[in-house]
């Protein structure tokens, strides 16, 4: 289901707030991910701060194009194939999504409302499905 215009605005505005805390947010993301699924730790390099910043930068690029995800078709394919090469499966995207929600809740505090959570969950579902499909991830 496509995002509404209001949801897109909410996501962009909340990510703008998150940009002020990208480094701690990126570290928190991986801590939340590995707490949910410790088996995923072996898929990532030791430099989690660097990896986290790469994740947040990519997320920012996706958010900038949230109303026109078709513009990122090649990027979704690249992301999908890169993840597939390190052994990421479609099932791994669920704990990643929950770790993202945990991170947003932690970093945005009271401004992370139920309505904003619904918007982020919808966006994550749509975008992760594109990465999975374009990367031929099983």
C-alpha atoms as a PDB file:
ATOM      1  CA  UNK A   1       0.000   0.000   0.000  1.00  0.00           C
ATOM      2  CA  UNK A   2       1.530   3.338  -1.021  1.00  0.00           C
ATOM      3  CA  UNK A   3       2.191   5.937   1.625  1.00  0.00           C
ATOM      4  CA  UNK A   4      -0.119   8.902   1.905  1.00  0.00           C
ATOM      5  CA  UNK A   5       1.264  12.381   1.309  1.00  0.00           C
ATOM      6  CA  UNK A   6       0.875  13.074   5.030  1.00  0.00           C
ATOM      7  CA  UNK A   7       2.857   9.949   5.943  1.00  0.00           C
ATOM      8  CA  UNK A   8       5.658  10.935   3.568  1.00  0.00           C
ATOM      9  CA  UNK A   9       5.870  14.375   5.166  1.00  0.00           C
ATOM     10  CA  UNK A  10       5.872  12.872   8.661  1.00  0.00           C
ATOM     11  CA  UNK A  11       8.689  10.486   7.755  1.00  0.00           C
ATOM     12  CA  UNK A  12      10.784  13.244   6.178  1.00  0.00           C
ATOM     13  CA  UNK A  13      10.290  15.537   9.171  1.00  0.00           C
ATOM     14  CA  UNK A  14      11.122  12.842  11.695  1.00  0.00           C
ATOM     15  CA  UNK A  15      14.234  11.818   9.775  1.00  0.00           C
ATOM     16  CA  UNK A  16      15.337  15.461   9.776  1.00  0.00           C
ATOM     17  CA  UNK A  17      15.193  15.299  13.591  1.00  0.00           C
ATOM     18  CA  UNK A  18      17.092  12.015  13.568  1.00  0.00           C
ATOM     19  CA  UNK A  19      19.856  13.539  11.403  1.00  0.00           C
ATOM     20  CA  UNK A  20      20.944  15.535  14.448  1.00  0.00           C
ATOM     21  CA  UNK A  21      21.786  12.243  16.184  1.00  0.00           C
ATOM     22  CA  UNK A  22      22.835   9.943  13.356  1.00  0.00           C
ATOM     23  CA  UNK A  23      25.905   8.484  15.002  1.00  0.00           C
ATOM     24  CA  UNK A  24      24.302   7.400  18.282  1.00  0.00           C
ATOM     25  CA  UNK A  25      21.194   6.333  16.366  1.00  0.00           C
ATOM     26  CA  UNK A  26      23.247   4.167  14.026  1.00  0.00           C
ATOM     27  CA  UNK A  27      24.985   2.446  16.936  1.00  0.00           C
ATOM     28  CA  UNK A  28      21.676   1.959  18.744  1.00  0.00           C
ATOM     29  CA  UNK A  29      20.206   0.401  15.579  1.00  0.00           C
ATOM     30  CA  UNK A  30      22.796  -2.385  15.513  1.00  0.00           C
ATOM     31  CA  UNK A  31      22.557  -2.955  19.256  1.00  0.00           C
ATOM     32  CA  UNK A  32      18.777  -3.328  18.869  1.00  0.00           C
ATOM     33  CA  UNK A  33      19.208  -5.605  15.838  1.00  0.00           C
ATOM     34  CA  UNK A  34      21.662  -7.946  17.556  1.00  0.00           C
ATOM     35  CA  UNK A  35      19.549  -8.009  20.722  1.00  0.00           C
ATOM     36  CA  UNK A  36      16.627  -9.214  18.578  1.00  0.00           C
ATOM     37  CA  UNK A  37      18.681 -11.707  16.563  1.00  0.00           C
ATOM     38  CA  UNK A  38      22.243 -12.349  17.789  1.00  0.00           C
ATOM     39  CA  UNK A  39      22.881 -14.723  14.877  1.00  0.00           C
ATOM     40  CA  UNK A  40      22.987 -11.723  12.535  1.00  0.00           C
ATOM     41  CA  UNK A  41      26.135 -10.300  14.199  1.00  0.00           C
ATOM     42  CA  UNK A  42      28.450 -12.522  12.134  1.00  0.00           C
ATOM     43  CA  UNK A  43      27.187 -10.902   8.906  1.00  0.00           C
ATOM     44  CA  UNK A  44      28.575  -7.503   9.829  1.00  0.00           C
ATOM     45  CA  UNK A  45      32.078  -6.121  10.004  1.00  0.00           C
ATOM     46  CA  UNK A  46      33.599  -5.006  13.279  1.00  0.00           C
ATOM     47  CA  UNK A  47      33.255  -1.291  12.485  1.00  0.00           C
ATOM     48  CA  UNK A  48      29.611  -0.968  13.470  1.00  0.00           C
ATOM     49  CA  UNK A  49      29.835   2.817  13.769  1.00  0.00           C
ATOM     50  CA  UNK A  50      30.951   3.048  10.132  1.00  0.00           C
ATOM     51  CA  UNK A  51      28.424   0.458   9.009  1.00  0.00           C
ATOM     52  CA  UNK A  52      25.722   2.268  10.941  1.00  0.00           C
ATOM     53  CA  UNK A  53      26.536   5.591   9.300  1.00  0.00           C
ATOM     54  CA  UNK A  54      26.399   3.890   5.909  1.00  0.00           C
ATOM     55  CA  UNK A  55      22.964   2.489   6.819  1.00  0.00           C
ATOM     56  CA  UNK A  56      21.711   5.894   7.972  1.00  0.00           C
ATOM     57  CA  UNK A  57      23.073   7.620   4.850  1.00  0.00           C
ATOM     58  CA  UNK A  58      21.331   5.084   2.625  1.00  0.00           C
ATOM     59  CA  UNK A  59      18.149   5.463   4.655  1.00  0.00           C
ATOM     60  CA  UNK A  60      18.374   9.229   4.181  1.00  0.00           C
ATOM     61  CA  UNK A  61      18.686   8.824   0.417  1.00  0.00           C
ATOM     62  CA  UNK A  62      15.638   6.568   0.371  1.00  0.00           C
ATOM     63  CA  UNK A  63      13.669   9.034   2.512  1.00  0.00           C
ATOM     64  CA  UNK A  64      14.561  11.874   0.125  1.00  0.00           C
ATOM     65  CA  UNK A  65      12.977   9.865  -2.694  1.00  0.00           C
ATOM     66  CA  UNK A  66      10.146   8.352  -0.686  1.00  0.00           C
ATOM     67  CA  UNK A  67       7.491   9.715  -3.038  1.00  0.00           C
ATOM     68  CA  UNK A  68       9.327   8.416  -6.110  1.00  0.00           C
ATOM     69  CA  UNK A  69      10.947   5.091  -5.151  1.00  0.00           C
ATOM     70  CA  UNK A  70      11.100   4.091  -8.815  1.00  0.00           C
ATOM     71  CA  UNK A  71      14.003   6.548  -9.147  1.00  0.00           C
ATOM     72  CA  UNK A  72      15.998   4.255  -6.873  1.00  0.00           C
ATOM     73  CA  UNK A  73      15.414   1.022  -8.777  1.00  0.00           C
ATOM     74  CA  UNK A  74      19.115   0.475  -9.436  1.00  0.00           C
ATOM     75  CA  UNK A  75      19.984   1.349  -5.846  1.00  0.00           C
ATOM     76  CA  UNK A  76      17.404  -1.146  -4.526  1.00  0.00           C
ATOM     77  CA  UNK A  77      18.893  -3.794  -6.796  1.00  0.00           C
ATOM     78  CA  UNK A  78      22.422  -2.975  -5.639  1.00  0.00           C
ATOM     79  CA  UNK A  79      21.345  -3.099  -1.990  1.00  0.00           C
ATOM     80  CA  UNK A  80      19.495  -6.364  -2.485  1.00  0.00           C
ATOM     81  CA  UNK A  81      22.325  -8.094  -4.298  1.00  0.00           C
ATOM     82  CA  UNK A  82      24.878  -6.849  -1.774  1.00  0.00           C
ATOM     83  CA  UNK A  83      22.790  -8.156   1.100  1.00  0.00           C
ATOM     84  CA  UNK A  84      22.220 -11.475  -0.667  1.00  0.00           C
ATOM     85  CA  UNK A  85      25.987 -11.896  -1.118  1.00  0.00           C
ATOM     86  CA  UNK A  86      26.571 -11.779   2.628  1.00  0.00           C
ATOM     87  CA  UNK A  87      23.779 -14.273   3.283  1.00  0.00           C
ATOM     88  CA  UNK A  88      20.884 -12.004   4.190  1.00  0.00           C
ATOM     89  CA  UNK A  89      17.534 -13.749   3.759  1.00  0.00           C
ATOM     90  CA  UNK A  90      14.093 -12.206   3.389  1.00  0.00           C
ATOM     91  CA  UNK A  91      13.296 -13.271   6.957  1.00  0.00           C
ATOM     92  CA  UNK A  92      16.138 -11.097   8.254  1.00  0.00           C
ATOM     93  CA  UNK A  93      14.322  -7.945   7.186  1.00  0.00           C
ATOM     94  CA  UNK A  94      11.727  -8.329   9.960  1.00  0.00           C
ATOM     95  CA  UNK A  95      14.196  -7.929  12.855  1.00  0.00           C
ATOM     96  CA  UNK A  96      15.873  -5.109  10.925  1.00  0.00           C
ATOM     97  CA  UNK A  97      12.533  -3.322  10.695  1.00  0.00           C
ATOM     98  CA  UNK A  98      11.887  -3.792  14.401  1.00  0.00           C
ATOM     99  CA  UNK A  99      15.384  -2.513  15.213  1.00  0.00           C
ATOM    100  CA  UNK A 100      14.669   0.566  13.090  1.00  0.00           C
ATOM    101  CA  UNK A 101      11.414   1.185  14.960  1.00  0.00           C
ATOM    102  CA  UNK A 102      13.213   0.703  18.299  1.00  0.00           C
ATOM    103  CA  UNK A 103      15.855   3.207  17.178  1.00  0.00           C
ATOM    104  CA  UNK A 104      13.306   5.789  16.099  1.00  0.00           C
ATOM    105  CA  UNK A 105      11.395   5.378  19.352  1.00  0.00           C
ATOM    106  CA  UNK A 106      14.594   5.737  21.385  1.00  0.00           C
ATOM    107  CA  UNK A 107      15.985   8.722  19.483  1.00  0.00           C
ATOM    108  CA  UNK A 108      12.778  10.672  18.839  1.00  0.00           C
ATOM    109  CA  UNK A 109      11.204  10.132  22.242  1.00  0.00           C
ATOM    110  CA  UNK A 110       7.717  11.562  22.661  1.00  0.00           C
ATOM    111  CA  UNK A 111       7.653  12.840  19.086  1.00  0.00           C
ATOM    112  CA  UNK A 112       7.557   9.200  17.917  1.00  0.00           C
ATOM    113  CA  UNK A 113       3.787   8.943  18.037  1.00  0.00           C
ATOM    114  CA  UNK A 114       1.646   5.950  17.157  1.00  0.00           C
ATOM    115  CA  UNK A 115       0.718   7.627  13.878  1.00  0.00           C
ATOM    116  CA  UNK A 116       4.383   8.167  13.031  1.00  0.00           C
ATOM    117  CA  UNK A 117       5.159   4.539  13.863  1.00  0.00           C
ATOM    118  CA  UNK A 118       2.433   3.369  11.464  1.00  0.00           C
ATOM    119  CA  UNK A 119       3.941   5.558   8.724  1.00  0.00           C
ATOM    120  CA  UNK A 120       7.478   4.262   9.300  1.00  0.00           C
ATOM    121  CA  UNK A 121       6.290   0.658   9.385  1.00  0.00           C
ATOM    122  CA  UNK A 122       4.441   1.103   6.084  1.00  0.00           C
ATOM    123  CA  UNK A 123       7.468   2.760   4.489  1.00  0.00           C
ATOM    124  CA  UNK A 124       9.817   0.059   5.732  1.00  0.00           C
ATOM    125  CA  UNK A 125       7.553  -2.715   4.459  1.00  0.00           C
ATOM    126  CA  UNK A 126       7.336  -1.158   1.014  1.00  0.00           C
ATOM    127  CA  UNK A 127      11.026  -0.335   0.713  1.00  0.00           C
ATOM    128  CA  UNK A 128      12.314  -3.637   2.115  1.00  0.00           C
ATOM    129  CA  UNK A 129      10.018  -5.498  -0.297  1.00  0.00           C
ATOM    130  CA  UNK A 130      11.668  -3.611  -3.164  1.00  0.00           C
ATOM    131  CA  UNK A 131      15.165  -4.519  -1.945  1.00  0.00           C
ATOM    132  CA  UNK A 132      14.161  -8.171  -1.520  1.00  0.00           C
ATOM    133  CA  UNK A 133      12.531  -8.328  -4.951  1.00  0.00           C
ATOM    134  CA  UNK A 134      15.234  -6.412  -6.850  1.00  0.00           C
ATOM    135  CA  UNK A 135      18.005  -8.376  -5.141  1.00  0.00           C
ATOM    136  CA  UNK A 136      16.315 -11.762  -5.681  1.00  0.00           C
ATOM    137  CA  UNK A 137      16.615 -12.485  -1.960  1.00  0.00           C
ATOM    138  CA  UNK A 138      14.869 -15.659  -0.777  1.00  0.00           C
END
